[in-house]
N, C-alpha and C. Protein backbone atom coordinates (compact mmCIF):
# COMPACT_ATOMS: atom_id res chain seq x y z
N MET A 1 -12.85 27.86 29.10
CA MET A 1 -12.78 27.42 27.80
C MET A 1 -13.46 28.45 26.92
N ASN A 2 -12.86 28.72 25.68
CA ASN A 2 -13.47 29.57 24.81
C ASN A 2 -14.13 28.73 23.69
N CYS A 3 -14.80 29.51 22.72
CA CYS A 3 -15.54 28.84 21.65
C CYS A 3 -14.51 28.00 20.79
N ASP A 4 -13.42 28.64 20.40
CA ASP A 4 -12.49 27.94 19.57
C ASP A 4 -12.00 26.65 20.17
N GLU A 5 -11.76 26.71 21.46
CA GLU A 5 -11.31 25.44 22.14
C GLU A 5 -12.41 24.46 22.24
N PHE A 6 -13.61 24.90 22.49
CA PHE A 6 -14.74 24.08 22.37
C PHE A 6 -14.87 23.37 21.11
N ALA A 7 -14.89 24.14 19.98
CA ALA A 7 -14.93 23.43 18.57
C ALA A 7 -13.91 22.50 18.40
N GLU A 8 -12.52 22.76 18.86
CA GLU A 8 -11.53 21.69 18.68
C GLU A 8 -11.87 20.38 19.37
N LEU A 9 -12.56 20.47 20.42
CA LEU A 9 -12.80 19.32 21.33
C LEU A 9 -14.12 18.57 21.09
N VAL A 10 -14.94 18.94 20.07
CA VAL A 10 -16.21 18.43 19.92
C VAL A 10 -16.05 16.88 19.55
N THR A 11 -15.14 16.48 18.62
CA THR A 11 -14.98 15.20 18.23
C THR A 11 -14.41 14.31 19.29
N ALA A 12 -13.52 14.95 20.00
CA ALA A 12 -12.98 14.05 21.16
C ALA A 12 -14.13 13.89 22.13
N TYR A 13 -14.97 14.80 22.43
CA TYR A 13 -16.04 14.61 23.43
C TYR A 13 -16.90 13.35 22.82
N LEU A 14 -17.34 13.56 21.57
CA LEU A 14 -18.11 12.47 20.97
C LEU A 14 -17.60 11.11 20.88
N ASP A 15 -16.22 11.13 20.88
CA ASP A 15 -15.55 9.88 20.91
C ASP A 15 -15.30 9.39 22.30
N ASP A 16 -15.69 10.11 23.29
CA ASP A 16 -15.45 9.88 24.68
C ASP A 16 -13.89 9.79 25.02
N ALA A 17 -13.04 10.77 24.31
CA ALA A 17 -11.85 10.72 24.46
C ALA A 17 -11.28 12.01 25.10
N LEU A 18 -12.04 12.80 25.90
CA LEU A 18 -11.58 13.87 26.49
C LEU A 18 -11.04 13.49 27.95
N ASP A 19 -10.04 14.19 28.30
CA ASP A 19 -9.43 13.84 29.62
C ASP A 19 -10.25 14.30 30.69
N ASP A 20 -9.99 13.85 31.90
CA ASP A 20 -10.86 14.16 33.07
C ASP A 20 -10.88 15.58 33.38
N SER A 21 -9.90 16.40 33.04
CA SER A 21 -9.85 17.76 33.40
C SER A 21 -10.59 18.59 32.21
N SER A 22 -10.63 18.11 30.93
CA SER A 22 -11.34 18.87 29.88
C SER A 22 -12.84 18.69 29.89
N ARG A 23 -13.17 17.45 30.22
CA ARG A 23 -14.64 17.18 30.13
C ARG A 23 -15.53 18.10 30.84
N PRO A 24 -15.25 18.33 32.18
CA PRO A 24 -16.18 19.35 32.76
C PRO A 24 -16.13 20.76 32.13
N LEU A 25 -14.99 21.19 31.80
CA LEU A 25 -14.78 22.41 31.16
C LEU A 25 -15.63 22.62 29.87
N PHE A 26 -15.69 21.42 29.18
CA PHE A 26 -16.39 21.39 27.87
C PHE A 26 -17.89 21.48 28.13
N LEU A 27 -18.35 20.70 29.13
CA LEU A 27 -19.74 20.66 29.45
C LEU A 27 -20.16 21.85 29.96
N ASP A 28 -19.43 22.56 30.87
CA ASP A 28 -19.78 23.83 31.41
C ASP A 28 -19.95 24.94 30.33
N HIS A 29 -18.91 24.90 29.38
CA HIS A 29 -18.94 25.91 28.29
C HIS A 29 -20.25 25.76 27.54
N MET A 30 -20.60 24.47 27.08
CA MET A 30 -21.74 24.17 26.29
C MET A 30 -23.02 24.59 27.04
N ALA A 31 -22.99 24.43 28.33
CA ALA A 31 -24.19 24.82 29.18
C ALA A 31 -24.39 26.29 29.20
N GLN A 32 -23.26 27.13 28.93
CA GLN A 32 -23.39 28.56 29.16
C GLN A 32 -23.43 29.17 27.82
N CYS A 33 -23.00 28.65 26.68
CA CYS A 33 -22.90 29.23 25.51
C CYS A 33 -23.76 28.74 24.36
N SER A 34 -24.79 29.47 24.13
CA SER A 34 -25.91 29.07 23.11
C SER A 34 -25.32 28.90 21.75
N GLY A 35 -24.24 29.51 21.37
CA GLY A 35 -23.70 29.35 20.07
C GLY A 35 -22.94 27.98 20.03
N CYS A 36 -22.33 27.59 20.98
CA CYS A 36 -21.66 26.34 20.96
C CYS A 36 -22.62 25.21 21.14
N THR A 37 -23.57 25.40 21.94
CA THR A 37 -24.64 24.33 21.97
C THR A 37 -25.37 24.24 20.65
N GLY A 38 -25.63 25.18 19.80
CA GLY A 38 -26.05 25.04 18.59
C GLY A 38 -25.05 24.39 17.63
N TYR A 39 -23.76 24.69 17.76
CA TYR A 39 -22.76 24.04 17.12
C TYR A 39 -22.67 22.61 17.31
N TYR A 40 -22.67 22.20 18.51
CA TYR A 40 -22.82 20.82 18.90
C TYR A 40 -24.02 20.13 18.29
N GLY A 41 -25.20 20.76 18.49
CA GLY A 41 -26.38 20.11 17.77
C GLY A 41 -26.27 20.05 16.29
N GLN A 42 -25.68 20.80 15.65
CA GLN A 42 -25.42 20.82 14.16
C GLN A 42 -24.49 19.62 13.87
N PHE A 43 -23.49 19.43 14.67
CA PHE A 43 -22.46 18.41 14.60
C PHE A 43 -23.16 16.99 14.56
N THR A 44 -23.92 16.86 15.69
CA THR A 44 -24.53 15.73 15.86
C THR A 44 -25.62 15.34 15.04
N THR A 45 -26.36 16.27 14.53
CA THR A 45 -27.33 16.13 13.49
C THR A 45 -26.67 15.67 12.32
N THR A 46 -25.67 16.37 11.89
CA THR A 46 -24.88 15.88 10.58
C THR A 46 -24.50 14.41 10.78
N ILE A 47 -23.91 14.01 11.95
CA ILE A 47 -23.37 12.51 12.07
C ILE A 47 -24.59 11.67 11.91
N THR A 48 -25.83 11.97 12.54
CA THR A 48 -26.94 11.05 12.46
C THR A 48 -27.43 11.01 11.08
N VAL A 49 -27.54 12.17 10.35
CA VAL A 49 -28.11 12.18 8.92
C VAL A 49 -27.07 11.37 8.10
N LEU A 50 -25.85 11.47 8.16
CA LEU A 50 -24.86 10.89 7.32
C LEU A 50 -24.83 9.30 7.57
N GLY A 51 -25.18 8.95 8.86
CA GLY A 51 -25.22 7.61 9.22
C GLY A 51 -26.39 6.79 8.67
N GLU A 52 -27.55 7.67 8.21
CA GLU A 52 -28.64 6.95 7.63
C GLU A 52 -28.56 6.87 6.16
N LEU A 53 -27.54 7.41 5.59
CA LEU A 53 -27.41 7.27 4.12
C LEU A 53 -26.87 5.91 3.84
N PRO A 54 -27.49 5.37 2.67
CA PRO A 54 -27.01 4.01 2.25
C PRO A 54 -25.51 4.02 1.86
N ALA A 55 -24.94 2.90 2.10
CA ALA A 55 -23.56 2.80 1.68
C ALA A 55 -23.44 2.80 0.21
N PRO A 56 -22.52 3.51 -0.53
CA PRO A 56 -22.33 3.39 -1.77
C PRO A 56 -21.93 2.02 -2.29
N GLY A 57 -22.43 1.62 -3.40
CA GLY A 57 -22.15 0.42 -4.11
C GLY A 57 -21.16 0.57 -5.13
N LEU A 58 -20.65 -0.53 -5.58
CA LEU A 58 -19.77 -0.57 -6.73
C LEU A 58 -20.66 -0.62 -8.02
N SER A 59 -20.08 0.05 -9.06
CA SER A 59 -20.78 -0.27 -10.36
C SER A 59 -20.44 -1.69 -10.81
N ALA A 60 -21.17 -2.16 -11.67
CA ALA A 60 -21.01 -3.63 -12.27
C ALA A 60 -19.62 -3.63 -12.90
N LYS A 61 -19.17 -2.59 -13.58
CA LYS A 61 -17.89 -2.69 -14.13
C LYS A 61 -16.74 -2.64 -13.12
N THR A 62 -16.84 -1.80 -12.23
CA THR A 62 -15.80 -1.78 -11.14
C THR A 62 -15.73 -3.08 -10.46
N ARG A 63 -16.89 -3.62 -10.19
CA ARG A 63 -16.91 -4.94 -9.45
C ARG A 63 -16.19 -5.94 -10.24
N SER A 64 -16.50 -6.04 -11.62
CA SER A 64 -16.06 -6.98 -12.44
C SER A 64 -14.50 -7.04 -12.57
N HIS A 65 -14.02 -5.70 -12.56
CA HIS A 65 -12.44 -5.45 -12.61
C HIS A 65 -11.87 -5.80 -11.39
N LEU A 66 -12.50 -5.62 -10.19
CA LEU A 66 -11.92 -6.13 -9.05
C LEU A 66 -12.00 -7.54 -8.75
N LEU A 67 -12.98 -8.12 -9.21
CA LEU A 67 -13.02 -9.62 -9.07
C LEU A 67 -12.08 -10.34 -9.95
N THR A 68 -11.88 -9.80 -11.10
CA THR A 68 -10.72 -10.28 -12.07
C THR A 68 -9.34 -10.14 -11.47
N ALA A 69 -9.16 -8.86 -10.95
CA ALA A 69 -7.87 -8.60 -10.34
C ALA A 69 -7.57 -9.53 -9.12
N PHE A 70 -8.58 -9.72 -8.27
CA PHE A 70 -8.47 -10.60 -7.15
C PHE A 70 -8.13 -12.04 -7.58
N ARG A 71 -8.85 -12.57 -8.67
CA ARG A 71 -8.65 -13.90 -9.18
C ARG A 71 -7.33 -14.05 -9.75
N GLU A 72 -6.77 -13.09 -10.47
CA GLU A 72 -5.39 -13.07 -11.11
C GLU A 72 -4.39 -13.08 -10.03
N ALA A 73 -4.65 -12.27 -8.95
CA ALA A 73 -3.66 -12.14 -7.94
C ALA A 73 -3.50 -13.47 -7.03
N SER A 74 -4.73 -14.17 -6.78
CA SER A 74 -4.73 -15.26 -6.12
C SER A 74 -4.25 -16.52 -6.88
N SER A 75 -4.25 -16.39 -7.99
CA SER A 75 -3.67 -17.54 -8.88
C SER A 75 -2.18 -17.39 -9.27
N GLU A 76 -1.68 -16.34 -9.00
CA GLU A 76 -0.12 -16.15 -9.23
C GLU A 76 0.52 -16.72 -7.96
N LYS A 77 1.59 -17.46 -8.25
CA LYS A 77 2.41 -18.13 -7.21
C LYS A 77 3.68 -17.43 -7.17
N PRO A 78 4.10 -17.07 -5.90
CA PRO A 78 5.43 -16.50 -5.75
C PRO A 78 6.47 -17.38 -6.20
N GLU A 79 7.56 -16.78 -6.80
CA GLU A 79 8.72 -17.56 -7.15
C GLU A 79 9.66 -17.76 -6.12
C-alpha cells in the first residue's frame, strides 16, 4: 500500500468499513510510515475537536419563520 491509497482509506478505516484484505495492509503501512501515522493523527484530532464544538443554533428570526411555515403546512388540508 502506498501513501495515496492509505489516505483514501482513512475514513473507511475509521468507519470500520475496510474489507478483511485491506485492513492489515492499512495497519502495516501506518506502522511503517511516519507521514501517514501523522496524517491519521491529524485526521482523528480534527474529528475529536469538531465533535466538541457546540451545535449551531437557529436565530430567533429563522426559528420564527420555520415555526410559522410548519403551522401553515400542518393546517392546510389536501383537496
